[in-house]
Amino acid sequence: MKKILLTILLAFQLSAHAQRSAIFFEDQAKFPSGLTEVKSWLVAMTSKLPFAFQDAKTSPNQDATFQRFSLALGPDKIVPIGNSGSAFELESSDGKPSKINVQYEGKWKISAYQPNFNLNTFNPSDYSKIYENALLVYNISEEQALAEFLNKYVTDDKLPSLKAFLRDAEKLTKKKFDIKNIDNVTLTAVVKEIYLKTNRYASDVAYQLYLKNKNQDKERANLANFFRKFTGGNVVDEFLNIATPQGKFYFEKSGVFLLLDQNIFICFG
């Protein structure tokens, strides 16, 4: 067993597609079904940690939380990390029960933009859902999205871009749009007509027409290209960072050791 000293303040970074929580799970049923093994491991670990909850604060839009609690330790002063063979140990020589005060700072940025976002049903390989939610995150209106498609993706040598788009949209949705004075119509009127006749957003119809691809690599590239003007980066990676709960645990105690199992290989870099 190797021992590493963690001085004064230990920040343990968590970043996973998992339920937002501190050291316990208020509702285990909400844990994503695809992470059953992770859930079992975490529940087994946390169920062995007697804790006393102290206080908590949550941001108004529910995208950040701050919690304080303490872990009660037995005479051996050891907190096992699941069944990994590793553990936290509190330096002590008196052999008496003690406790470690812990602070948890959590962030879930997507809550600020989409309060109804459901991590349990979210599929990171479904680029259409990333597109749909990214429009909200980057505050892109239906008119802005449609304008981007008209300027960048709709090409027809014989028709103006809006007429070509409406032709393609009618073919896809099998609906006939009633657009009067098409040469002077506003994009607001167009998106309203499409939603009225199809119950679908114009941005979604345009995505299916011009960005959707059977080849996922090409579809991801199309998605990145569409958002480059709005984000300046890789929208898929940026969105997954926003949609992923993140948190830090701070152990407010000097003399906290991390005991590592001999079979664990750690790569620093």
Protein backbone atom coordinates (compact mmCIF):
# COMPACT_ATOMS: atom_id res chain seq x y z
CA MET A 1 0.00 0.00 0.00
CA LYS A 2 1.40 3.38 -1.04
CA LYS A 3 0.60 6.47 1.00
CA ILE A 4 0.38 10.00 -0.44
CA LEU A 5 -0.04 13.01 1.85
CA LEU A 6 -2.79 15.42 0.85
CA THR A 7 -2.17 18.67 2.69
CA ILE A 8 -4.72 21.12 4.12
CA LEU A 9 -7.22 21.17 1.23
CA LEU A 10 -7.86 18.24 -1.05
CA ALA A 11 -9.89 18.84 -4.22
CA PHE A 12 -11.28 15.60 -5.63
CA GLN A 13 -12.62 16.29 -9.15
CA LEU A 14 -15.64 14.37 -10.40
CA SER A 15 -16.94 14.61 -13.95
CA ALA A 16 -19.33 11.89 -15.07
CA HIS A 17 -22.74 11.31 -16.57
CA ALA A 18 -24.30 10.66 -13.19
CA GLN A 19 -26.91 12.02 -10.85
CA ARG A 20 -25.99 15.24 -9.08
CA SER A 21 -25.25 14.37 -5.48
CA ALA A 22 -22.76 14.86 -2.72
CA ILE A 23 -21.80 11.75 -0.76
CA PHE A 24 -25.25 10.17 -0.80
CA PHE A 25 -28.04 9.56 -3.27
CA GLU A 26 -31.46 10.96 -2.43
CA ASP A 27 -33.18 8.94 -5.14
CA GLN A 28 -31.19 6.01 -6.52
CA ALA A 29 -33.95 5.27 -9.05
CA LYS A 30 -32.96 8.39 -11.00
CA PHE A 31 -29.44 7.08 -11.62
CA PRO A 32 -28.90 6.54 -15.39
CA SER A 33 -29.68 2.93 -16.29
CA GLY A 34 -26.59 2.71 -18.49
CA LEU A 35 -24.35 3.17 -15.44
CA THR A 36 -25.68 0.32 -13.31
CA GLU A 37 -22.23 -0.95 -12.36
CA VAL A 38 -21.03 2.54 -11.43
CA LYS A 39 -24.19 3.03 -9.37
CA SER A 40 -23.63 -0.23 -7.48
CA TRP A 41 -20.02 0.73 -6.77
CA LEU A 42 -20.90 4.23 -5.55
CA VAL A 43 -23.82 3.08 -3.43
CA ALA A 44 -21.66 0.37 -1.86
CA MET A 45 -19.01 2.98 -1.09
CA THR A 46 -21.24 5.71 0.26
CA SER A 47 -23.40 3.37 2.34
CA LYS A 48 -20.35 2.69 4.52
CA LEU A 49 -19.77 6.38 5.24
CA PRO A 50 -21.64 7.70 8.29
CA PHE A 51 -22.17 11.41 7.66
CA ALA A 52 -23.83 14.39 9.28
CA PHE A 53 -25.41 16.90 6.89
CA GLN A 54 -24.79 20.52 7.89
CA ASP A 55 -26.14 22.97 5.31
CA ALA A 56 -26.59 23.59 1.59
CA LYS A 57 -27.10 26.45 -0.83
CA THR A 58 -28.38 26.22 -4.40
CA SER A 59 -28.27 28.87 -7.11
CA PRO A 60 -31.62 30.36 -8.20
CA ASN A 61 -31.53 28.58 -11.58
CA GLN A 62 -30.44 25.27 -9.99
CA ASP A 63 -27.17 25.06 -11.95
CA ALA A 64 -24.84 25.19 -8.95
CA THR A 65 -24.89 23.89 -5.39
CA PHE A 66 -22.76 24.16 -2.27
CA GLN A 67 -23.07 21.59 0.52
CA ARG A 68 -21.31 21.01 3.82
CA PHE A 69 -21.28 17.80 5.81
CA SER A 70 -18.94 15.75 7.97
CA LEU A 71 -17.81 12.14 7.79
CA ALA A 72 -17.66 10.20 11.04
CA LEU A 73 -14.60 7.97 11.25
CA GLY A 74 -13.87 5.00 13.47
CA PRO A 75 -10.67 4.47 15.47
CA ASP A 76 -8.77 3.33 12.35
CA LYS A 77 -9.49 6.73 10.68
CA ILE A 78 -9.85 5.10 7.23
CA VAL A 79 -12.46 5.83 4.53
CA PRO A 80 -12.41 3.06 1.89
CA ILE A 81 -12.93 4.10 -1.73
CA GLY A 82 -15.41 1.44 -2.78
CA ASN A 83 -13.76 -1.94 -3.40
CA SER A 84 -10.77 -0.40 -5.19
CA GLY A 85 -8.32 -1.31 -2.44
CA SER A 86 -7.56 2.40 -1.96
CA ALA A 87 -8.75 4.64 0.85
CA PHE A 88 -8.46 8.00 2.59
CA GLU A 89 -6.76 8.00 5.98
CA LEU A 90 -6.81 10.74 8.61
CA GLU A 91 -3.52 11.20 10.40
CA SER A 92 -4.05 10.59 14.13
CA SER A 93 -2.28 8.93 17.00
CA ASP A 94 -4.94 8.96 19.72
CA GLY A 95 -6.92 5.97 18.37
CA LYS A 96 -10.26 7.69 19.05
CA PRO A 97 -13.18 8.25 16.67
CA SER A 98 -12.94 11.47 14.70
CA LYS A 99 -14.55 13.27 11.79
CA ILE A 100 -13.57 15.02 8.59
CA ASN A 101 -15.46 18.15 7.51
CA VAL A 102 -16.20 18.11 3.80
CA GLN A 103 -17.40 20.77 1.38
CA TYR A 104 -18.98 19.90 -1.95
CA GLU A 105 -19.21 22.38 -4.83
CA GLY A 106 -21.30 21.13 -7.73
CA LYS A 107 -22.13 22.58 -11.13
CA TRP A 108 -24.60 21.50 -13.78
CA LYS A 109 -24.53 24.29 -16.34
CA ILE A 110 -27.29 22.91 -18.56
CA SER A 111 -29.87 23.69 -15.84
CA ALA A 112 -29.41 27.40 -16.45
CA TYR A 113 -30.48 27.01 -20.07
CA GLN A 114 -32.76 23.97 -20.08
CA PRO A 115 -34.33 23.23 -16.65
CA ASN A 116 -36.16 20.21 -18.07
CA PHE A 117 -33.02 18.56 -19.46
CA ASN A 118 -33.10 14.87 -18.50
CA LEU A 119 -29.70 13.25 -18.21
CA ASN A 120 -31.25 9.80 -17.82
CA THR A 121 -32.69 9.86 -21.34
CA PHE A 122 -29.96 11.91 -23.01
CA ASN A 123 -27.93 10.04 -25.63
CA PRO A 124 -24.62 11.81 -26.43
CA SER A 125 -24.56 10.04 -29.81
CA ASP A 126 -27.86 11.62 -30.85
CA TYR A 127 -26.53 14.75 -32.54
CA SER A 128 -30.02 16.05 -33.31
CA LYS A 129 -30.64 16.40 -29.56
CA ILE A 130 -27.31 18.15 -29.08
CA TYR A 131 -28.32 20.51 -31.89
CA GLU A 132 -31.76 21.12 -30.38
CA ASN A 133 -30.38 21.91 -26.92
CA ALA A 134 -27.38 23.86 -28.23
CA LEU A 135 -29.77 26.31 -29.92
CA LEU A 136 -31.08 27.12 -26.43
CA VAL A 137 -27.65 27.24 -24.82
CA TYR A 138 -26.27 29.68 -27.39
CA ASN A 139 -29.54 31.65 -27.55
CA ILE A 140 -30.05 31.11 -31.28
CA SER A 141 -33.58 31.98 -32.40
CA GLU A 142 -35.56 30.10 -35.02
CA GLU A 143 -35.09 33.02 -37.41
CA GLN A 144 -31.30 33.06 -36.84
CA ALA A 145 -31.04 29.32 -37.37
CA LEU A 146 -33.10 29.42 -40.55
CA ALA A 147 -31.08 32.36 -41.89
CA GLU A 148 -27.89 30.37 -41.32
CA PHE A 149 -29.30 27.45 -43.31
CA LEU A 150 -30.47 29.70 -46.14
CA ASN A 151 -27.11 31.44 -46.41
CA LYS A 152 -24.91 28.39 -45.98
CA TYR A 153 -26.67 25.19 -46.98
CA VAL A 154 -29.53 25.79 -49.41
CA THR A 155 -28.19 25.81 -52.95
CA ASP A 156 -30.22 25.85 -56.15
CA ASP A 157 -29.20 27.62 -59.35
CA LYS A 158 -32.81 27.98 -60.50
CA LEU A 159 -34.54 29.12 -57.29
CA PRO A 160 -33.89 31.68 -54.53
CA SER A 161 -32.75 29.95 -51.33
CA LEU A 162 -36.03 30.48 -49.43
CA LYS A 163 -38.13 29.01 -52.26
CA ALA A 164 -35.74 26.07 -52.54
CA PHE A 165 -35.92 25.49 -48.79
CA LEU A 166 -39.73 25.55 -48.74
CA ARG A 167 -39.78 23.08 -51.65
CA ASP A 168 -37.46 20.74 -49.73
CA ALA A 169 -39.41 21.21 -46.49
CA GLU A 170 -42.73 20.40 -48.17
CA LYS A 171 -41.25 17.22 -49.61
CA LEU A 172 -39.86 16.16 -46.21
CA THR A 173 -42.95 16.98 -44.13
CA LYS A 174 -45.52 16.13 -46.83
CA LYS A 175 -47.29 19.41 -46.01
CA LYS A 176 -48.17 22.37 -48.20
CA PHE A 177 -47.20 25.78 -46.82
CA ASP A 178 -49.29 28.86 -47.49
CA ILE A 179 -46.64 31.56 -47.88
CA LYS A 180 -47.99 34.73 -49.49
CA ASN A 181 -45.78 37.33 -51.16
CA ILE A 182 -42.77 35.04 -50.78
CA ASP A 183 -40.33 37.60 -52.18
CA ASN A 184 -41.01 39.94 -49.25
CA VAL A 185 -42.05 37.53 -46.49
CA THR A 186 -40.28 37.66 -43.12
CA LEU A 187 -38.50 34.66 -41.63
CA THR A 188 -40.75 35.01 -38.59
CA ALA A 189 -43.78 34.38 -40.79
CA VAL A 190 -42.05 31.38 -42.38
CA VAL A 191 -41.15 29.66 -39.10
CA LYS A 192 -44.67 30.27 -37.76
CA GLU A 193 -46.25 28.73 -40.88
CA ILE A 194 -44.00 25.67 -40.70
CA TYR A 195 -44.83 25.11 -37.03
CA LEU A 196 -48.55 25.66 -37.65
CA LYS A 197 -48.70 23.07 -40.44
CA THR A 198 -46.25 20.46 -39.07
CA ASN A 199 -46.01 21.02 -35.30
CA ARG A 200 -42.25 21.02 -35.86
CA TYR A 201 -39.76 23.83 -35.57
CA ALA A 202 -38.25 25.15 -38.79
CA SER A 203 -34.80 24.59 -37.28
CA ASP A 204 -35.56 20.88 -36.83
CA VAL A 205 -36.87 20.54 -40.38
CA ALA A 206 -33.74 22.25 -41.71
CA TYR A 207 -31.51 19.98 -39.59
CA GLN A 208 -33.12 16.87 -41.04
CA LEU A 209 -32.71 18.26 -44.56
CA TYR A 210 -29.17 19.58 -44.48
CA LEU A 211 -27.21 18.32 -41.46
CA LYS A 212 -28.55 14.82 -40.76
CA ASN A 213 -26.35 12.07 -42.20
CA LYS A 214 -26.28 8.28 -41.97
CA ASN A 215 -22.54 8.57 -41.35
CA GLN A 216 -22.19 9.83 -37.76
CA ASP A 217 -18.75 11.30 -38.36
CA LYS A 218 -20.11 13.40 -41.22
CA GLU A 219 -23.14 14.44 -39.18
CA ARG A 220 -20.89 15.53 -36.30
CA ALA A 221 -18.77 17.53 -38.76
CA ASN A 222 -21.92 19.14 -40.18
CA LEU A 223 -23.06 20.06 -36.69
CA ALA A 224 -19.70 21.58 -35.81
CA ASN A 225 -19.68 23.56 -39.04
CA PHE A 226 -23.15 24.97 -38.42
CA PHE A 227 -22.30 26.22 -34.91
CA ARG A 228 -18.77 27.45 -35.65
CA LYS A 229 -20.05 30.98 -36.23
CA PHE A 230 -21.86 30.97 -32.89
CA THR A 231 -19.37 29.13 -30.65
CA GLY A 232 -15.94 29.40 -32.23
CA GLY A 233 -15.18 25.87 -31.05
CA ASN A 234 -16.34 22.26 -31.22
CA VAL A 235 -20.00 22.41 -30.28
CA VAL A 236 -20.27 18.70 -29.42
CA ASP A 237 -17.44 18.80 -26.89
CA GLU A 238 -18.61 22.14 -25.53
CA PHE A 239 -22.17 20.93 -25.11
CA LEU A 240 -21.17 17.67 -23.42
CA ASN A 241 -19.16 19.73 -20.94
CA ILE A 242 -22.23 21.88 -20.23
CA ALA A 243 -24.50 18.82 -19.96
CA THR A 244 -22.18 16.88 -17.64
CA PRO A 245 -22.59 17.32 -13.87
CA GLN A 246 -19.29 18.30 -12.27
CA GLY A 247 -18.26 18.61 -8.67
CA LYS A 248 -15.39 19.04 -6.27
CA PHE A 249 -15.05 17.63 -2.76
CA TYR A 250 -12.88 19.61 -0.36
CA PHE A 251 -11.59 17.84 2.74
CA GLU A 252 -10.94 20.55 5.33
CA LYS A 253 -8.33 18.75 7.34
CA SER A 254 -4.55 18.69 7.44
CA GLY A 255 -2.87 15.32 7.49
CA VAL A 256 -5.23 13.51 5.13
CA PHE A 257 -3.52 10.65 3.31
CA LEU A 258 -4.51 8.85 0.14
CA LEU A 259 -3.73 5.13 0.47
CA LEU A 260 -3.18 3.54 -2.94
CA ASP A 261 -3.43 -0.14 -3.71
CA GLN A 262 -0.18 -1.52 -5.16
CA ASN A 263 -2.01 -2.66 -8.30
CA ILE A 264 -3.21 0.83 -9.22
CA PHE A 265 -1.29 2.63 -11.96
CA ILE A 266 -1.56 6.43 -11.88
CA CYS A 267 -0.59 8.59 -14.83
CA PHE A 268 0.12 12.25 -14.15
CA GLY A 269 0.09 14.57 -17.12
